[in-house]
Amino acid sequence: MANLTDILEKMRSNPGGLRFADLCKVCDHYFGQVRQSSGSHRVYKTPWTGDPRVSIQNSKGQAKAYQVKQVLKAIDRLEVEHAEQ
């Protein structure tokens, strides 16, 4: 299984080619335990309200590219806010 650094690199270079399990691993690391897992969506809590939201869904074992991009925006925002503290 790939480590977080490798997964993040793959997310940035090819958002459309990521396994859903890898995206879950990244989200669990950055945003903690999934807040809601009903139906096909996994929703994570963020320290802000509104966008970027972290809601992902499995598409036949793959992550959806637009959701990968949303997760990357959320991680970037999280890192900026953490650096400002």
C-alpha atoms as a PDB file:
ATOM      1  CA  MET A   1       0.000   0.000   0.000  1.00  0.00           C
ATOM      2  CA  ALA A   2       1.290   3.441  -0.906  1.00  0.00           C
ATOM      3  CA  ASN A   3       2.268   5.961   1.742  1.00  0.00           C
ATOM      4  CA  LEU A   4       0.615   9.372   2.098  1.00  0.00           C
ATOM      5  CA  THR A   5       3.374  11.274   0.299  1.00  0.00           C
ATOM      6  CA  ASP A   6       3.116   9.027  -2.744  1.00  0.00           C
ATOM      7  CA  ILE A   7      -0.676   9.257  -2.777  1.00  0.00           C
ATOM      8  CA  LEU A   8      -0.634  13.072  -2.518  1.00  0.00           C
ATOM      9  CA  GLU A   9       1.864  13.259  -5.372  1.00  0.00           C
ATOM     10  CA  LYS A  10      -0.369  11.045  -7.499  1.00  0.00           C
ATOM     11  CA  MET A  11      -3.431  13.139  -6.560  1.00  0.00           C
ATOM     12  CA  ARG A  12      -1.733  16.317  -7.755  1.00  0.00           C
ATOM     13  CA  SER A  13      -0.363  14.843 -10.982  1.00  0.00           C
ATOM     14  CA  ASN A  14      -3.402  12.775 -12.022  1.00  0.00           C
ATOM     15  CA  PRO A  15      -6.624  13.446 -10.074  1.00  0.00           C
ATOM     16  CA  GLY A  16      -8.592  11.157 -12.359  1.00  0.00           C
ATOM     17  CA  GLY A  17      -6.509   8.054 -11.771  1.00  0.00           C
ATOM     18  CA  LEU A  18      -6.760   7.563  -8.025  1.00  0.00           C
ATOM     19  CA  ARG A  19      -8.141   4.582  -6.183  1.00  0.00           C
ATOM     20  CA  PHE A  20     -10.996   5.363  -3.795  1.00  0.00           C
ATOM     21  CA  ALA A  21      -9.253   3.485  -0.971  1.00  0.00           C
ATOM     22  CA  ASP A  22      -6.218   5.773  -1.333  1.00  0.00           C
ATOM     23  CA  LEU A  23      -8.402   8.883  -1.199  1.00  0.00           C
ATOM     24  CA  CYS A  24     -10.072   7.535   1.964  1.00  0.00           C
ATOM     25  CA  LYS A  25      -6.640   7.005   3.520  1.00  0.00           C
ATOM     26  CA  VAL A  26      -5.665  10.627   2.834  1.00  0.00           C
ATOM     27  CA  CYS A  27      -8.992  12.004   4.115  1.00  0.00           C
ATOM     28  CA  ASP A  28      -8.824   9.899   7.276  1.00  0.00           C
ATOM     29  CA  HIS A  29      -5.326  11.240   7.961  1.00  0.00           C
ATOM     30  CA  TYR A  30      -6.107  14.926   7.392  1.00  0.00           C
ATOM     31  CA  PHE A  31      -9.734  15.169   8.534  1.00  0.00           C
ATOM     32  CA  GLY A  32     -10.119  12.362  11.048  1.00  0.00           C
ATOM     33  CA  GLN A  33     -12.831   9.800  11.280  1.00  0.00           C
ATOM     34  CA  VAL A  34     -15.589  10.003   8.712  1.00  0.00           C
ATOM     35  CA  ARG A  35     -18.509  12.053  10.042  1.00  0.00           C
ATOM     36  CA  GLN A  36     -21.161  10.487   7.860  1.00  0.00           C
ATOM     37  CA  SER A  37     -21.065   7.372   5.755  1.00  0.00           C
ATOM     38  CA  SER A  38     -24.564   6.839   4.476  1.00  0.00           C
ATOM     39  CA  GLY A  39     -25.254   5.675   0.984  1.00  0.00           C
ATOM     40  CA  SER A  40     -22.373   6.096  -1.405  1.00  0.00           C
ATOM     41  CA  HIS A  41     -20.851   9.243   0.167  1.00  0.00           C
ATOM     42  CA  ARG A  42     -18.276   9.643   2.913  1.00  0.00           C
ATOM     43  CA  VAL A  43     -18.435  13.104   4.488  1.00  0.00           C
ATOM     44  CA  TYR A  44     -15.620  14.516   6.620  1.00  0.00           C
ATOM     45  CA  LYS A  45     -15.754  17.408   9.059  1.00  0.00           C
ATOM     46  CA  THR A  46     -13.586  20.451   8.373  1.00  0.00           C
ATOM     47  CA  PRO A  47     -12.729  23.278  10.794  1.00  0.00           C
ATOM     48  CA  TRP A  48     -14.527  25.778   8.535  1.00  0.00           C
ATOM     49  CA  THR A  49     -18.015  26.052   7.133  1.00  0.00           C
ATOM     50  CA  GLY A  50     -18.683  25.965   3.426  1.00  0.00           C
ATOM     51  CA  ASP A  51     -16.292  25.160   0.621  1.00  0.00           C
ATOM     52  CA  PRO A  52     -14.117  23.316   0.082  1.00  0.00           C
ATOM     53  CA  ARG A  53     -16.270  20.519   1.429  1.00  0.00           C
ATOM     54  CA  VAL A  54     -14.883  17.056   1.850  1.00  0.00           C
ATOM     55  CA  SER A  55     -17.457  14.627   0.537  1.00  0.00           C
ATOM     56  CA  ILE A  56     -16.217  11.704  -1.505  1.00  0.00           C
ATOM     57  CA  GLN A  57     -17.813   8.722  -3.160  1.00  0.00           C
ATOM     58  CA  ASN A  58     -16.716   5.418  -4.607  1.00  0.00           C
ATOM     59  CA  SER A  59     -17.095   5.098  -8.360  1.00  0.00           C
ATOM     60  CA  LYS A  60     -16.372   1.430  -9.126  1.00  0.00           C
ATOM     61  CA  GLY A  61     -13.233   1.476  -6.985  1.00  0.00           C
ATOM     62  CA  GLN A  62     -12.020   4.825  -8.301  1.00  0.00           C
ATOM     63  CA  ALA A  63     -12.223   8.327  -6.848  1.00  0.00           C
ATOM     64  CA  LYS A  64     -13.960  11.027  -8.862  1.00  0.00           C
ATOM     65  CA  ALA A  65     -11.489  13.593 -10.219  1.00  0.00           C
ATOM     66  CA  TYR A  66     -13.485  16.646  -9.128  1.00  0.00           C
ATOM     67  CA  GLN A  67     -13.684  15.275  -5.582  1.00  0.00           C
ATOM     68  CA  VAL A  68      -9.929  14.633  -5.537  1.00  0.00           C
ATOM     69  CA  LYS A  69      -9.434  18.293  -6.502  1.00  0.00           C
ATOM     70  CA  GLN A  70     -11.792  19.402  -3.706  1.00  0.00           C
ATOM     71  CA  VAL A  71      -9.833  17.319  -1.189  1.00  0.00           C
ATOM     72  CA  LEU A  72      -6.566  18.885  -2.391  1.00  0.00           C
ATOM     73  CA  LYS A  73      -8.052  22.380  -1.942  1.00  0.00           C
ATOM     74  CA  ALA A  74      -9.174  21.458   1.558  1.00  0.00           C
ATOM     75  CA  ILE A  75      -5.731  20.067   2.455  1.00  0.00           C
ATOM     76  CA  ASP A  76      -4.053  23.219   1.110  1.00  0.00           C
ATOM     77  CA  ARG A  77      -6.408  25.409   3.147  1.00  0.00           C
ATOM     78  CA  LEU A  78      -5.840  23.289   6.245  1.00  0.00           C
ATOM     79  CA  GLU A  79      -2.065  23.606   5.874  1.00  0.00           C
ATOM     80  CA  VAL A  80      -2.254  27.401   5.334  1.00  0.00           C
ATOM     81  CA  GLU A  81      -4.463  27.893   8.382  1.00  0.00           C
ATOM     82  CA  HIS A  82      -2.218  25.650  10.473  1.00  0.00           C
ATOM     83  CA  ALA A  83       0.893  27.593   9.380  1.00  0.00           C
ATOM     84  CA  GLU A  84      -0.716  30.917  10.369  1.00  0.00           C
ATOM     85  CA  GLN A  85      -1.273  29.771  13.949  1.00  0.00           C
END
